[in-house]
Each structure stands twice: as C-alpha cells, then as structure tokens.
Amino acid sequence: MKDDPQLLAEKFNMPTYESLLQFSFIKEKKHLLPYLFVKTQSLLPLTQEGDEVVVATSDPTNLEGLKELRLILDSKIKVVF
C-alpha cells in the first residue's frame, strides 16, 4: 500500500502546499538543473529564502536526490511537500 502524501510530510516534518502558484521559480538557478534530473528526482526549486533554496518534492524519502541537488546548487536545501 502506498503511503499517504500528507502522512509522509508529517512524518518528515515538512510543510505542505496544495498549490505551488504562490512561488516564483528561481530563474538564475533553473539553467543549472537538467530537465531529466528534475523529472526523475521529483525535485523542483521554488524560491530562495536567505541562504536556503526551497525545493518541492513528491518523494521525501529521496535522500540521494536531495544530496545531489545540494551539490549541484551548492546551497542549503529546505524541502517542502
């Protein structure tokens, strides 16, 4: 049985958003991320908050993808669901 997304978010103590329309995407960071990486890893940078990049994910258990993203962006990551 697949985990309920809301329960996963609560388990990982992640904020959740019904809609991502409130975020303006990071134009200067967009070119650093290959489309295939974003698609396969289910990670989407949303905005910059201080020294952190806010990233939406549909899979909070994808720790390897998050680690790669930190290295690619050379930035701290704040994950939202």
Protein backbone atom coordinates (compact mmCIF):
# COMPACT_ATOMS: atom_id res chain seq x y z
CA MET A 1 0.00 0.00 0.00
CA LYS A 2 1.35 3.39 -0.98
CA ASP A 3 1.95 5.93 1.79
CA ASP A 4 -0.46 8.85 2.05
CA PRO A 5 1.41 12.03 0.96
CA GLN A 6 0.11 14.04 3.92
CA LEU A 7 1.27 11.36 6.36
CA LEU A 8 4.70 11.29 4.72
CA ALA A 9 5.00 15.05 5.03
CA GLU A 10 4.07 14.89 8.71
CA LYS A 11 6.50 12.01 9.30
CA PHE A 12 9.36 14.06 7.79
CA ASN A 13 8.16 17.28 9.46
CA MET A 14 7.80 19.08 6.10
CA PRO A 15 5.49 21.95 5.29
CA THR A 16 2.87 21.07 2.67
CA TYR A 17 1.32 23.18 -0.07
CA GLU A 18 -1.80 22.44 -2.09
CA SER A 19 -0.63 24.78 -4.85
CA LEU A 20 2.82 25.98 -5.88
CA LEU A 21 1.46 29.04 -7.69
CA GLN A 22 2.50 31.31 -4.81
CA PHE A 23 6.17 30.67 -5.58
CA SER A 24 8.18 32.40 -8.24
CA PHE A 25 10.69 29.95 -9.64
CA ILE A 26 14.38 30.73 -9.39
CA LYS A 27 15.30 31.83 -12.90
CA GLU A 28 19.03 32.08 -12.26
CA LYS A 29 19.16 28.56 -10.81
CA LYS A 30 16.92 26.94 -13.43
CA HIS A 31 19.67 26.52 -16.01
CA LEU A 32 21.81 24.59 -13.51
CA LEU A 33 19.30 21.75 -13.31
CA PRO A 34 18.87 19.43 -16.25
CA TYR A 35 15.23 18.69 -17.06
CA LEU A 36 15.84 14.95 -16.75
CA PHE A 37 17.25 15.40 -13.22
CA VAL A 38 14.22 17.42 -12.08
CA LYS A 39 11.83 14.92 -13.65
CA THR A 40 13.46 11.70 -12.42
CA GLN A 41 14.26 13.00 -8.94
CA SER A 42 10.90 14.77 -8.46
CA LEU A 43 12.64 17.85 -7.09
CA LEU A 44 11.60 21.36 -8.09
CA PRO A 45 13.34 24.51 -6.78
CA LEU A 46 10.73 27.12 -5.86
CA THR A 47 12.41 30.12 -4.34
CA GLN A 48 15.39 31.38 -2.36
CA GLU A 49 14.95 32.15 1.35
CA GLY A 50 18.12 33.68 2.69
CA ASP A 51 20.89 31.12 2.21
CA GLU A 52 18.44 28.24 1.53
CA VAL A 53 16.75 27.10 -1.66
CA VAL A 54 13.16 25.96 -1.08
CA VAL A 55 12.57 22.75 -3.03
CA ALA A 56 9.29 20.92 -3.57
CA THR A 57 9.33 17.15 -3.71
CA SER A 58 6.77 14.43 -4.19
CA ASP A 59 9.09 11.90 -2.53
CA PRO A 60 10.58 12.97 0.81
CA THR A 61 12.40 9.63 1.06
CA ASN A 62 14.60 10.53 -1.94
CA LEU A 63 17.62 11.42 0.18
CA GLU A 64 20.11 10.67 -2.60
CA GLY A 65 18.36 13.11 -4.95
CA LEU A 66 18.35 15.80 -2.26
CA LYS A 67 22.05 15.24 -1.63
CA GLU A 68 22.78 15.60 -5.36
CA LEU A 69 20.70 18.78 -5.52
CA ARG A 70 22.65 20.30 -2.62
CA LEU A 71 25.86 19.61 -4.50
CA ILE A 72 24.57 20.95 -7.83
CA LEU A 73 23.21 24.18 -6.33
CA ASP A 74 25.97 24.50 -3.72
CA SER A 75 23.33 25.66 -1.27
CA LYS A 76 21.37 24.58 1.78
CA ILE A 77 18.03 22.97 0.90
CA LYS A 78 14.67 23.41 2.62
CA VAL A 79 12.27 20.70 1.45
CA VAL A 80 8.51 21.19 1.17
CA PHE A 81 5.92 18.67 0.14
